[in-house]
């Protein structure tokens, strides 16, 4: 299995209202050479279940941390990343369809 070029790391905590929009925007990226790692801080809502539902559209893994801590969750995601480039994204973001392609272009330049 080849490694993706990018690992998109998303720390979450009770993001059931926002996360679906971000994951949908990732599924619509023009460049598909990335994996998604959702690192949840033991949400009390449906965040983890919603993330799991998007596995059919994305190369996605979900990690549940016993502790909710943004730096810890980012570091856990980075430890699990298979791509050489890490992209940290907040769960309440929505990315333009060319976001990953544009990052790749700037790295190449």
C-alpha atoms as a PDB file:
ATOM      1  CA  UNK A   1       0.000   0.000   0.000  1.00  0.00           C
ATOM      2  CA  UNK A   2       1.438   3.344  -0.994  1.00  0.00           C
ATOM      3  CA  UNK A   3       1.455   6.236   1.414  1.00  0.00           C
ATOM      4  CA  UNK A   4      -0.718   9.251   0.655  1.00  0.00           C
ATOM      5  CA  UNK A   5       0.992  12.546  -0.064  1.00  0.00           C
ATOM      6  CA  UNK A   6      -0.958  14.319   2.687  1.00  0.00           C
ATOM      7  CA  UNK A   7      -2.433  13.394   6.038  1.00  0.00           C
ATOM      8  CA  UNK A   8      -5.325  15.643   7.038  1.00  0.00           C
ATOM      9  CA  UNK A   9      -5.664  15.662  10.829  1.00  0.00           C
ATOM     10  CA  UNK A  10      -8.912  16.855  12.372  1.00  0.00           C
ATOM     11  CA  UNK A  11      -9.207  17.132  16.170  1.00  0.00           C
ATOM     12  CA  UNK A  12     -12.850  16.983  17.280  1.00  0.00           C
ATOM     13  CA  UNK A  13     -14.962  17.383  20.405  1.00  0.00           C
ATOM     14  CA  UNK A  14     -18.750  17.455  20.054  1.00  0.00           C
ATOM     15  CA  UNK A  15     -18.617  18.551  16.403  1.00  0.00           C
ATOM     16  CA  UNK A  16     -21.650  16.663  15.033  1.00  0.00           C
ATOM     17  CA  UNK A  17     -23.065  19.847  13.466  1.00  0.00           C
ATOM     18  CA  UNK A  18     -19.845  20.967  11.754  1.00  0.00           C
ATOM     19  CA  UNK A  19     -17.843  17.833  10.927  1.00  0.00           C
ATOM     20  CA  UNK A  20     -20.158  16.539   8.144  1.00  0.00           C
ATOM     21  CA  UNK A  21     -19.596  19.749   6.159  1.00  0.00           C
ATOM     22  CA  UNK A  22     -15.818  19.492   6.431  1.00  0.00           C
ATOM     23  CA  UNK A  23     -15.795  15.796   5.490  1.00  0.00           C
ATOM     24  CA  UNK A  24     -18.074  16.477   2.511  1.00  0.00           C
ATOM     25  CA  UNK A  25     -15.712  19.216   1.328  1.00  0.00           C
ATOM     26  CA  UNK A  26     -12.776  16.798   1.630  1.00  0.00           C
ATOM     27  CA  UNK A  27     -14.647  14.178  -0.404  1.00  0.00           C
ATOM     28  CA  UNK A  28     -15.036  16.767  -3.199  1.00  0.00           C
ATOM     29  CA  UNK A  29     -11.326  17.611  -3.480  1.00  0.00           C
ATOM     30  CA  UNK A  30      -9.858  17.671  -6.986  1.00  0.00           C
ATOM     31  CA  UNK A  31      -6.653  16.060  -5.642  1.00  0.00           C
ATOM     32  CA  UNK A  32      -7.390  12.760  -3.903  1.00  0.00           C
ATOM     33  CA  UNK A  33      -3.895  11.802  -2.683  1.00  0.00           C
ATOM     34  CA  UNK A  34      -4.625  12.217   1.027  1.00  0.00           C
ATOM     35  CA  UNK A  35      -5.876  10.395   4.078  1.00  0.00           C
ATOM     36  CA  UNK A  36      -8.071  11.830   6.812  1.00  0.00           C
ATOM     37  CA  UNK A  37      -7.492  11.190  10.508  1.00  0.00           C
ATOM     38  CA  UNK A  38     -10.221  12.330  12.882  1.00  0.00           C
ATOM     39  CA  UNK A  39      -8.971  12.410  16.480  1.00  0.00           C
ATOM     40  CA  UNK A  40     -11.925  12.739  18.814  1.00  0.00           C
ATOM     41  CA  UNK A  41     -11.637  13.837  22.433  1.00  0.00           C
ATOM     42  CA  UNK A  42     -14.389  11.480  23.700  1.00  0.00           C
ATOM     43  CA  UNK A  43     -17.352  13.467  22.375  1.00  0.00           C
ATOM     44  CA  UNK A  44     -20.720  13.124  24.069  1.00  0.00           C
ATOM     45  CA  UNK A  45     -22.640  13.595  20.799  1.00  0.00           C
ATOM     46  CA  UNK A  46     -22.641  11.711  17.474  1.00  0.00           C
ATOM     47  CA  UNK A  47     -19.305  13.062  16.199  1.00  0.00           C
ATOM     48  CA  UNK A  48     -17.580   9.661  16.054  1.00  0.00           C
ATOM     49  CA  UNK A  49     -20.546   7.949  14.366  1.00  0.00           C
ATOM     50  CA  UNK A  50     -20.765  10.733  11.783  1.00  0.00           C
ATOM     51  CA  UNK A  51     -17.046  10.445  11.060  1.00  0.00           C
ATOM     52  CA  UNK A  52     -17.364   6.665  10.639  1.00  0.00           C
ATOM     53  CA  UNK A  53     -20.162   7.173   8.077  1.00  0.00           C
ATOM     54  CA  UNK A  54     -17.745   9.045   5.797  1.00  0.00           C
ATOM     55  CA  UNK A  55     -15.345   6.105   5.489  1.00  0.00           C
ATOM     56  CA  UNK A  56     -17.108   5.070   2.282  1.00  0.00           C
ATOM     57  CA  UNK A  57     -16.184   8.399   0.618  1.00  0.00           C
ATOM     58  CA  UNK A  58     -12.737   9.002   2.093  1.00  0.00           C
ATOM     59  CA  UNK A  59      -9.605   7.205   3.210  1.00  0.00           C
ATOM     60  CA  UNK A  60     -10.480   7.921   6.817  1.00  0.00           C
ATOM     61  CA  UNK A  61      -9.493   6.662  10.249  1.00  0.00           C
ATOM     62  CA  UNK A  62     -11.029   7.642  13.569  1.00  0.00           C
ATOM     63  CA  UNK A  63      -9.065   7.669  16.804  1.00  0.00           C
ATOM     64  CA  UNK A  64     -10.799   8.318  20.122  1.00  0.00           C
ATOM     65  CA  UNK A  65      -8.645   9.900  22.800  1.00  0.00           C
ATOM     66  CA  UNK A  66      -9.528   9.494  26.462  1.00  0.00           C
ATOM     67  CA  UNK A  67      -8.568  13.122  26.968  1.00  0.00           C
ATOM     68  CA  UNK A  68      -9.908  16.163  25.141  1.00  0.00           C
ATOM     69  CA  UNK A  69      -6.870  18.320  24.452  1.00  0.00           C
ATOM     70  CA  UNK A  70      -6.270  20.066  21.143  1.00  0.00           C
ATOM     71  CA  UNK A  71      -2.458  19.723  21.234  1.00  0.00           C
ATOM     72  CA  UNK A  72      -2.683  16.095  22.364  1.00  0.00           C
ATOM     73  CA  UNK A  73      -5.213  15.233  19.659  1.00  0.00           C
ATOM     74  CA  UNK A  74      -3.098  16.901  16.962  1.00  0.00           C
ATOM     75  CA  UNK A  75      -0.044  14.967  18.153  1.00  0.00           C
ATOM     76  CA  UNK A  76      -1.959  11.661  18.207  1.00  0.00           C
ATOM     77  CA  UNK A  77      -3.057  12.295  14.637  1.00  0.00           C
ATOM     78  CA  UNK A  78       0.484  13.168  13.583  1.00  0.00           C
ATOM     79  CA  UNK A  79       1.789   9.933  15.128  1.00  0.00           C
ATOM     80  CA  UNK A  80      -0.724   7.910  13.091  1.00  0.00           C
ATOM     81  CA  UNK A  81      -0.142   9.809   9.841  1.00  0.00           C
ATOM     82  CA  UNK A  82       1.206   7.903   6.845  1.00  0.00           C
ATOM     83  CA  UNK A  83       1.730  10.936   4.617  1.00  0.00           C
ATOM     84  CA  UNK A  84       4.931  13.000   4.685  1.00  0.00           C
ATOM     85  CA  UNK A  85       2.941  16.259   4.743  1.00  0.00           C
ATOM     86  CA  UNK A  86       0.576  17.007   7.638  1.00  0.00           C
ATOM     87  CA  UNK A  87      -2.438  19.275   7.170  1.00  0.00           C
ATOM     88  CA  UNK A  88      -4.191  20.273  10.391  1.00  0.00           C
ATOM     89  CA  UNK A  89      -7.789  21.403   9.904  1.00  0.00           C
ATOM     90  CA  UNK A  90     -10.375  22.500  12.476  1.00  0.00           C
ATOM     91  CA  UNK A  91     -13.670  20.606  12.365  1.00  0.00           C
ATOM     92  CA  UNK A  92     -15.717  23.758  11.733  1.00  0.00           C
ATOM     93  CA  UNK A  93     -13.884  24.487   8.458  1.00  0.00           C
ATOM     94  CA  UNK A  94     -15.115  23.976   4.905  1.00  0.00           C
ATOM     95  CA  UNK A  95     -12.446  23.629   2.219  1.00  0.00           C
ATOM     96  CA  UNK A  96     -12.665  24.781  -1.374  1.00  0.00           C
ATOM     97  CA  UNK A  97     -12.532  21.842  -3.844  1.00  0.00           C
ATOM     98  CA  UNK A  98      -9.019  22.796  -4.982  1.00  0.00           C
ATOM     99  CA  UNK A  99      -7.576  23.189  -1.458  1.00  0.00           C
ATOM    100  CA  UNK A 100      -5.414  20.031  -1.491  1.00  0.00           C
ATOM    101  CA  UNK A 101      -4.382  20.587  -5.114  1.00  0.00           C
ATOM    102  CA  UNK A 102      -3.293  24.134  -4.307  1.00  0.00           C
ATOM    103  CA  UNK A 103      -1.209  22.963  -1.325  1.00  0.00           C
ATOM    104  CA  UNK A 104       0.464  20.383  -3.565  1.00  0.00           C
ATOM    105  CA  UNK A 105       1.198  23.048  -6.167  1.00  0.00           C
ATOM    106  CA  UNK A 106       2.814  25.396  -3.630  1.00  0.00           C
ATOM    107  CA  UNK A 107       4.943  22.578  -2.233  1.00  0.00           C
ATOM    108  CA  UNK A 108       6.123  21.650  -5.731  1.00  0.00           C
ATOM    109  CA  UNK A 109       6.972  25.251  -6.577  1.00  0.00           C
END
